[in-house]
Amino acid sequence: MKEKVVIIYSGGMDSYTVLNRAIREGYQPFALTFNYGQKHKKEIDVASKVTRELGIDHKVIDITAINQLLQGSSLTSDMDIPEGHYAEDSMKSTVVPNRNMILLSLAIGYAVSIGASKVYYGAHSGDHAIYPDCRPEFVDKMNAVSQIANYDAVDIISPYLNLSKIDILKDGLAMGLDYSQTWTCYNGREKACGRCGACQERLEAFALNHQTDPLEYES
């Protein structure tokens, strides 16, 4: 039997690459997507479509009740989503308080319940400046806690932790992945906006890999 692993799968290009990397490494993936009260569910719909086509186990977990505790982020509160690159200080408004600690804790519990040995998530170096819960020191501490929080130790795996989105895309292209099956934009409109930090970082990754993004953009 294949070794079971849990993948925190948002529907974005990073977690899509992580999911497919785990499959190619021979694991049996159990994909876990969270509705935590983000402003749109387009990425959740994309995640559901991909997992159906891959024929893998997928759970969408509604934790929107905690949204009332996680205010102050432009992704969950009545605030404008900033435009510009992640290098800009304004992008700090997209931080959802304690999000990855909460999601990882739930994923670890799920892993223990199904006998999975690992939890994968798609943190990468491009997130380090803005998102504390994507930095190596956070992953190290969470991994240490995950070893002792249950009778069964669970490893937290972030295969691209010290690599950039450019590197993630390069790896995914080498695997032949179709990135039209992902959604990155912080806005949930018909087309990606092309202006938010998520879109700009994605477009930069495609440009530096000398590829054209298959998604349609407003601008």
C-alpha atoms as a PDB file:
ATOM      1  CA  MET A   1       0.000   0.000   0.000  1.00  0.00           C
ATOM      2  CA  LYS A   2       1.105   3.539  -0.729  1.00  0.00           C
ATOM      3  CA  GLU A   3       2.062   5.813   2.155  1.00  0.00           C
ATOM      4  CA  LYS A   4      -0.733   8.285   2.938  1.00  0.00           C
ATOM      5  CA  VAL A   5      -0.059  12.019   3.048  1.00  0.00           C
ATOM      6  CA  VAL A   6      -2.313  15.041   3.562  1.00  0.00           C
ATOM      7  CA  ILE A   7      -1.955  17.984   1.171  1.00  0.00           C
ATOM      8  CA  ILE A   8      -3.256  21.412   2.143  1.00  0.00           C
ATOM      9  CA  TYR A   9      -4.606  22.269  -1.285  1.00  0.00           C
ATOM     10  CA  SER A  10      -5.896  25.790  -1.894  1.00  0.00           C
ATOM     11  CA  GLY A  11      -6.354  25.497  -5.645  1.00  0.00           C
ATOM     12  CA  GLY A  12      -3.453  27.876  -6.316  1.00  0.00           C
ATOM     13  CA  MET A  13      -0.383  27.123  -8.397  1.00  0.00           C
ATOM     14  CA  ASP A  14       1.900  26.426  -5.434  1.00  0.00           C
ATOM     15  CA  SER A  15      -0.311  23.830  -3.772  1.00  0.00           C
ATOM     16  CA  TYR A  16      -1.200  22.381  -7.194  1.00  0.00           C
ATOM     17  CA  THR A  17       2.494  21.769  -7.813  1.00  0.00           C
ATOM     18  CA  VAL A  18       2.960  20.312  -4.327  1.00  0.00           C
ATOM     19  CA  LEU A  19      -0.005  17.966  -4.861  1.00  0.00           C
ATOM     20  CA  ASN A  20       1.352  16.677  -8.141  1.00  0.00           C
ATOM     21  CA  ARG A  21       4.877  16.366  -6.722  1.00  0.00           C
ATOM     22  CA  ALA A  22       3.553  14.152  -3.929  1.00  0.00           C
ATOM     23  CA  ILE A  23       1.680  11.983  -6.452  1.00  0.00           C
ATOM     24  CA  ARG A  24       4.810  11.577  -8.557  1.00  0.00           C
ATOM     25  CA  GLU A  25       6.809  10.644  -5.469  1.00  0.00           C
ATOM     26  CA  GLY A  26       4.477   7.675  -5.016  1.00  0.00           C
ATOM     27  CA  TYR A  27       2.336   8.862  -2.109  1.00  0.00           C
ATOM     28  CA  GLN A  28      -1.418   8.457  -1.746  1.00  0.00           C
ATOM     29  CA  PRO A  29      -2.639  12.057  -1.363  1.00  0.00           C
ATOM     30  CA  PHE A  30      -5.595  13.195   0.688  1.00  0.00           C
ATOM     31  CA  ALA A  31      -6.299  16.753  -0.377  1.00  0.00           C
ATOM     32  CA  LEU A  32      -7.715  19.190   2.170  1.00  0.00           C
ATOM     33  CA  THR A  33      -9.172  22.568   1.178  1.00  0.00           C
ATOM     34  CA  PHE A  34     -10.399  25.124   3.701  1.00  0.00           C
ATOM     35  CA  ASN A  35     -13.146  27.695   3.362  1.00  0.00           C
ATOM     36  CA  TYR A  36     -12.061  30.085   6.091  1.00  0.00           C
ATOM     37  CA  GLY A  37     -14.211  33.028   4.970  1.00  0.00           C
ATOM     38  CA  GLN A  38     -12.066  34.305   2.123  1.00  0.00           C
ATOM     39  CA  LYS A  39     -13.865  36.772  -0.134  1.00  0.00           C
ATOM     40  CA  HIS A  40     -14.427  34.333  -2.983  1.00  0.00           C
ATOM     41  CA  LYS A  41     -14.534  30.566  -3.480  1.00  0.00           C
ATOM     42  CA  LYS A  42     -13.219  30.392  -7.022  1.00  0.00           C
ATOM     43  CA  GLU A  43      -9.998  28.702  -5.896  1.00  0.00           C
ATOM     44  CA  ILE A  44     -12.085  26.138  -3.969  1.00  0.00           C
ATOM     45  CA  ASP A  45     -14.086  25.335  -7.110  1.00  0.00           C
ATOM     46  CA  VAL A  46     -10.826  24.926  -9.052  1.00  0.00           C
ATOM     47  CA  ALA A  47      -9.438  22.601  -6.353  1.00  0.00           C
ATOM     48  CA  SER A  48     -12.575  20.460  -6.449  1.00  0.00           C
ATOM     49  CA  LYS A  49     -12.422  20.151 -10.242  1.00  0.00           C
ATOM     50  CA  VAL A  50      -8.750  19.124 -10.232  1.00  0.00           C
ATOM     51  CA  THR A  51      -9.148  16.475  -7.536  1.00  0.00           C
ATOM     52  CA  ARG A  52     -12.185  15.015  -9.304  1.00  0.00           C
ATOM     53  CA  GLU A  53     -10.213  14.697 -12.521  1.00  0.00           C
ATOM     54  CA  LEU A  54      -7.254  13.150 -10.688  1.00  0.00           C
ATOM     55  CA  GLY A  55      -9.565  10.772  -8.849  1.00  0.00           C
ATOM     56  CA  ILE A  56      -8.119  11.509  -5.431  1.00  0.00           C
ATOM     57  CA  ASP A  57      -9.753  11.946  -2.045  1.00  0.00           C
ATOM     58  CA  HIS A  58     -10.659  15.585  -1.393  1.00  0.00           C
ATOM     59  CA  LYS A  59     -12.387  17.282   1.518  1.00  0.00           C
ATOM     60  CA  VAL A  60     -13.557  20.906   1.540  1.00  0.00           C
ATOM     61  CA  ILE A  61     -13.848  21.988   5.172  1.00  0.00           C
ATOM     62  CA  ASP A  62     -16.042  24.935   6.120  1.00  0.00           C
ATOM     63  CA  ILE A  63     -14.429  26.834   8.975  1.00  0.00           C
ATOM     64  CA  THR A  64     -16.055  30.167   8.144  1.00  0.00           C
ATOM     65  CA  ALA A  65     -17.279  30.486  11.731  1.00  0.00           C
ATOM     66  CA  ILE A  66     -13.753  31.465  12.761  1.00  0.00           C
ATOM     67  CA  ASN A  67     -13.816  34.433  10.382  1.00  0.00           C
ATOM     68  CA  GLN A  68     -15.228  36.595  13.173  1.00  0.00           C
ATOM     69  CA  LEU A  69     -11.971  35.991  15.073  1.00  0.00           C
ATOM     70  CA  LEU A  70      -9.652  36.670  12.115  1.00  0.00           C
ATOM     71  CA  GLN A  71     -10.480  40.240  11.186  1.00  0.00           C
ATOM     72  CA  GLY A  72      -8.063  42.847   9.884  1.00  0.00           C
ATOM     73  CA  SER A  73      -7.058  41.102   6.661  1.00  0.00           C
ATOM     74  CA  SER A  74      -8.090  42.369   3.247  1.00  0.00           C
ATOM     75  CA  LEU A  75      -8.741  38.729   2.273  1.00  0.00           C
ATOM     76  CA  THR A  76     -11.444  38.242   4.910  1.00  0.00           C
ATOM     77  CA  SER A  77     -12.625  41.701   6.002  1.00  0.00           C
ATOM     78  CA  ASP A  78     -14.391  44.608   4.306  1.00  0.00           C
ATOM     79  CA  MET A  79     -11.170  46.144   3.013  1.00  0.00           C
ATOM     80  CA  ASP A  80      -9.810  46.759  -0.453  1.00  0.00           C
ATOM     81  CA  ILE A  81      -7.294  44.200  -1.678  1.00  0.00           C
ATOM     82  CA  PRO A  82      -4.048  46.083  -2.371  1.00  0.00           C
ATOM     83  CA  GLU A  83      -2.428  46.204  -5.765  1.00  0.00           C
ATOM     84  CA  GLY A  84       1.297  45.855  -6.298  1.00  0.00           C
ATOM     85  CA  HIS A  85       4.104  43.385  -5.738  1.00  0.00           C
ATOM     86  CA  TYR A  86       4.644  41.364  -2.559  1.00  0.00           C
ATOM     87  CA  ALA A  87       7.783  43.404  -1.938  1.00  0.00           C
ATOM     88  CA  GLU A  88       5.569  46.393  -1.132  1.00  0.00           C
ATOM     89  CA  ASP A  89       4.621  47.035   2.499  1.00  0.00           C
ATOM     90  CA  SER A  90       0.945  47.443   1.572  1.00  0.00           C
ATOM     91  CA  MET A  91       0.701  43.693   0.939  1.00  0.00           C
ATOM     92  CA  LYS A  92       0.848  43.063   4.696  1.00  0.00           C
ATOM     93  CA  SER A  93      -2.896  43.740   4.720  1.00  0.00           C
ATOM     94  CA  THR A  94      -3.378  40.325   3.061  1.00  0.00           C
ATOM     95  CA  VAL A  95      -2.049  38.488   6.126  1.00  0.00           C
ATOM     96  CA  VAL A  96      -4.836  36.459   7.777  1.00  0.00           C
ATOM     97  CA  PRO A  97      -4.007  36.231  11.512  1.00  0.00           C
ATOM     98  CA  ASN A  98      -2.555  32.832  12.439  1.00  0.00           C
ATOM     99  CA  ARG A  99      -4.011  31.209   9.305  1.00  0.00           C
ATOM    100  CA  ASN A 100      -1.364  28.584   8.592  1.00  0.00           C
ATOM    101  CA  MET A 101      -1.034  27.543  12.236  1.00  0.00           C
ATOM    102  CA  ILE A 102      -4.784  26.889  12.295  1.00  0.00           C
ATOM    103  CA  LEU A 103      -4.860  25.081   8.955  1.00  0.00           C
ATOM    104  CA  LEU A 104      -1.792  22.984   9.746  1.00  0.00           C
ATOM    105  CA  SER A 105      -3.233  21.994  13.130  1.00  0.00           C
ATOM    106  CA  LEU A 106      -6.418  20.759  11.490  1.00  0.00           C
ATOM    107  CA  ALA A 107      -4.448  18.961   8.769  1.00  0.00           C
ATOM    108  CA  ILE A 108      -2.255  17.260  11.369  1.00  0.00           C
ATOM    109  CA  GLY A 109      -5.355  16.043  13.213  1.00  0.00           C
ATOM    110  CA  TYR A 110      -6.750  14.704   9.943  1.00  0.00           C
ATOM    111  CA  ALA A 111      -3.438  12.979   9.176  1.00  0.00           C
ATOM    112  CA  VAL A 112      -3.447  11.221  12.544  1.00  0.00           C
ATOM    113  CA  SER A 113      -7.058  10.099  12.060  1.00  0.00           C
ATOM    114  CA  ILE A 114      -6.385   8.451   8.666  1.00  0.00           C
ATOM    115  CA  GLY A 115      -2.899   7.145   9.440  1.00  0.00           C
ATOM    116  CA  ALA A 116      -1.029   9.611   7.220  1.00  0.00           C
ATOM    117  CA  SER A 117       2.622  10.260   8.038  1.00  0.00           C
ATOM    118  CA  LYS A 118       3.037  13.726   6.508  1.00  0.00           C
ATOM    119  CA  VAL A 119       1.272  17.010   5.879  1.00  0.00           C
ATOM    120  CA  TYR A 120       2.385  19.002   2.833  1.00  0.00           C
ATOM    121  CA  TYR A 121       1.856  22.705   2.243  1.00  0.00           C
ATOM    122  CA  GLY A 122       3.154  25.130  -0.323  1.00  0.00           C
ATOM    123  CA  ALA A 123       5.139  27.774   1.551  1.00  0.00           C
ATOM    124  CA  HIS A 124       7.961  29.266  -0.506  1.00  0.00           C
ATOM    125  CA  SER A 125      10.644  31.942  -0.242  1.00  0.00           C
ATOM    126  CA  GLY A 126       8.591  34.587  -2.049  1.00  0.00           C
ATOM    127  CA  ASP A 127       6.189  34.577   0.913  1.00  0.00           C
ATOM    128  CA  HIS A 128       8.838  35.043   3.590  1.00  0.00           C
ATOM    129  CA  ALA A 129       8.899  38.844   3.560  1.00  0.00           C
ATOM    130  CA  ILE A 130       5.159  39.318   4.098  1.00  0.00           C
ATOM    131  CA  TYR A 131       3.865  36.102   5.692  1.00  0.00           C
ATOM    132  CA  PRO A 132       5.485  35.019   8.995  1.00  0.00           C
ATOM    133  CA  ASP A 133       3.689  31.660   8.829  1.00  0.00           C
ATOM    134  CA  CYS A 134       5.540  30.754   5.636  1.00  0.00           C
ATOM    135  CA  ARG A 135       9.037  31.320   7.007  1.00  0.00           C
ATOM    136  CA  PRO A 136      11.481  28.489   7.759  1.00  0.00           C
ATOM    137  CA  GLU A 137      11.524  29.214  11.498  1.00  0.00           C
ATOM    138  CA  PHE A 138       7.725  28.840  11.645  1.00  0.00           C
ATOM    139  CA  VAL A 139       7.789  25.556   9.743  1.00  0.00           C
ATOM    140  CA  ASP A 140      10.579  24.233  11.971  1.00  0.00           C
ATOM    141  CA  LYS A 141       8.675  25.064  15.178  1.00  0.00           C
ATOM    142  CA  MET A 142       5.377  23.689  13.889  1.00  0.00           C
ATOM    143  CA  ASN A 143       7.128  20.515  12.798  1.00  0.00           C
ATOM    144  CA  ALA A 144       8.675  20.128  16.257  1.00  0.00           C
ATOM    145  CA  VAL A 145       5.249  20.487  17.901  1.00  0.00           C
ATOM    146  CA  SER A 146       3.713  18.075  15.393  1.00  0.00           C
ATOM    147  CA  GLN A 147       6.158  15.386  16.536  1.00  0.00           C
ATOM    148  CA  ILE A 148       4.847  15.482  20.124  1.00  0.00           C
ATOM    149  CA  ALA A 149       1.223  16.653  19.839  1.00  0.00           C
ATOM    150  CA  ASN A 150      -0.136  13.134  19.238  1.00  0.00           C
ATOM    151  CA  TYR A 151       0.860   9.540  19.843  1.00  0.00           C
ATOM    152  CA  ASP A 152       1.705   9.355  16.150  1.00  0.00           C
ATOM    153  CA  ALA A 153       4.261  11.865  14.914  1.00  0.00           C
ATOM    154  CA  VAL A 154       3.406  13.725  11.712  1.00  0.00           C
ATOM    155  CA  ASP A 155       6.010  15.473   9.576  1.00  0.00           C
ATOM    156  CA  ILE A 156       5.246  18.878   8.061  1.00  0.00           C
ATOM    157  CA  ILE A 157       6.744  19.003   4.585  1.00  0.00           C
ATOM    158  CA  SER A 158       7.228  22.215   2.589  1.00  0.00           C
ATOM    159  CA  PRO A 159       9.181  21.048  -0.468  1.00  0.00           C
ATOM    160  CA  TYR A 160       9.603  24.561  -1.882  1.00  0.00           C
ATOM    161  CA  LEU A 161      10.236  26.370   1.404  1.00  0.00           C
ATOM    162  CA  ASN A 162      13.574  27.825   0.311  1.00  0.00           C
ATOM    163  CA  LEU A 163      12.702  28.161  -3.370  1.00  0.00           C
ATOM    164  CA  SER A 164      10.796  30.869  -5.240  1.00  0.00           C
ATOM    165  CA  LYS A 165       7.564  30.754  -7.223  1.00  0.00           C
ATOM    166  CA  ILE A 166       9.797  30.891 -10.292  1.00  0.00           C
ATOM    167  CA  ASP A 167      11.392  27.610  -9.149  1.00  0.00           C
ATOM    168  CA  ILE A 168       8.006  26.082  -8.332  1.00  0.00           C
ATOM    169  CA  LEU A 169       6.717  26.844 -11.808  1.00  0.00           C
ATOM    170  CA  LYS A 170       9.907  25.504 -13.376  1.00  0.00           C
ATOM    171  CA  ASP A 171       9.425  22.219 -11.517  1.00  0.00           C
ATOM    172  CA  GLY A 172       5.765  22.055 -12.464  1.00  0.00           C
ATOM    173  CA  LEU A 173       6.479  22.724 -16.126  1.00  0.00           C
ATOM    174  CA  ALA A 174       9.050  19.934 -16.054  1.00  0.00           C
ATOM    175  CA  MET A 175       6.274  17.658 -14.776  1.00  0.00           C
ATOM    176  CA  GLY A 176       4.066  18.783 -17.650  1.00  0.00           C
ATOM    177  CA  LEU A 177       1.457  20.407 -15.403  1.00  0.00           C
ATOM    178  CA  ASP A 178      -1.406  22.470 -16.809  1.00  0.00           C
ATOM    179  CA  TYR A 179      -1.575  25.739 -14.885  1.00  0.00           C
ATOM    180  CA  SER A 180      -4.892  26.684 -16.428  1.00  0.00           C
ATOM    181  CA  GLN A 181      -6.157  24.326 -13.706  1.00  0.00           C
ATOM    182  CA  THR A 182      -5.176  26.805 -10.963  1.00  0.00           C
ATOM    183  CA  TRP A 183      -6.424  30.118  -9.592  1.00  0.00           C
ATOM    184  CA  THR A 184      -4.080  32.614  -7.932  1.00  0.00           C
ATOM    185  CA  CYS A 185      -5.812  36.009  -8.033  1.00  0.00           C
ATOM    186  CA  TYR A 186      -7.055  37.459  -4.738  1.00  0.00           C
ATOM    187  CA  ASN A 187     -10.153  38.676  -6.593  1.00  0.00           C
ATOM    188  CA  GLY A 188     -12.722  36.082  -7.612  1.00  0.00           C
ATOM    189  CA  ARG A 189     -13.932  37.647 -10.826  1.00  0.00           C
ATOM    190  CA  GLU A 190     -14.267  35.901 -14.194  1.00  0.00           C
ATOM    191  CA  LYS A 191     -10.712  36.839 -15.178  1.00  0.00           C
ATOM    192  CA  ALA A 192      -7.640  37.331 -12.994  1.00  0.00           C
ATOM    193  CA  CYS A 193      -7.037  41.005 -12.201  1.00  0.00           C
ATOM    194  CA  GLY A 194      -3.321  41.060 -13.041  1.00  0.00           C
ATOM    195  CA  ARG A 195      -2.715  43.790 -10.463  1.00  0.00           C
ATOM    196  CA  CYS A 196      -2.799  42.190  -6.994  1.00  0.00           C
ATOM    197  CA  GLY A 197       0.398  40.821  -5.467  1.00  0.00           C
ATOM    198  CA  ALA A 198      -0.613  37.213  -6.169  1.00  0.00           C
ATOM    199  CA  CYS A 199      -1.174  37.927  -9.871  1.00  0.00           C
ATOM    200  CA  GLN A 200       2.007  39.957 -10.240  1.00  0.00           C
ATOM    201  CA  GLU A 201       4.155  37.269  -8.656  1.00  0.00           C
ATOM    202  CA  ARG A 202       2.517  34.617 -10.848  1.00  0.00           C
ATOM    203  CA  LEU A 203       3.010  36.631 -14.042  1.00  0.00           C
ATOM    204  CA  GLU A 204       6.631  37.277 -13.088  1.00  0.00           C
ATOM    205  CA  ALA A 205       7.203  33.529 -12.622  1.00  0.00           C
ATOM    206  CA  PHE A 206       5.841  32.773 -16.082  1.00  0.00           C
ATOM    207  CA  ALA A 207       7.847  35.577 -17.691  1.00  0.00           C
ATOM    208  CA  LEU A 208      11.099  34.452 -16.075  1.00  0.00           C
ATOM    209  CA  ASN A 209      10.406  30.879 -17.234  1.00  0.00           C
ATOM    210  CA  HIS A 210       9.835  32.235 -20.758  1.00  0.00           C
ATOM    211  CA  GLN A 211       6.274  30.942 -20.746  1.00  0.00           C
ATOM    212  CA  THR A 212       2.827  32.476 -21.228  1.00  0.00           C
ATOM    213  CA  ASP A 213       0.341  32.131 -18.412  1.00  0.00           C
ATOM    214  CA  PRO A 214      -2.692  30.185 -19.715  1.00  0.00           C
ATOM    215  CA  LEU A 215      -5.098  32.201 -17.530  1.00  0.00           C
ATOM    216  CA  GLU A 216      -6.968  35.196 -18.942  1.00  0.00           C
ATOM    217  CA  TYR A 217      -6.322  38.574 -17.335  1.00  0.00           C
ATOM    218  CA  GLU A 218      -8.286  41.796 -17.150  1.00  0.00           C
ATOM    219  CA  SER A 219      -5.165  43.800 -17.857  1.00  0.00           C
END
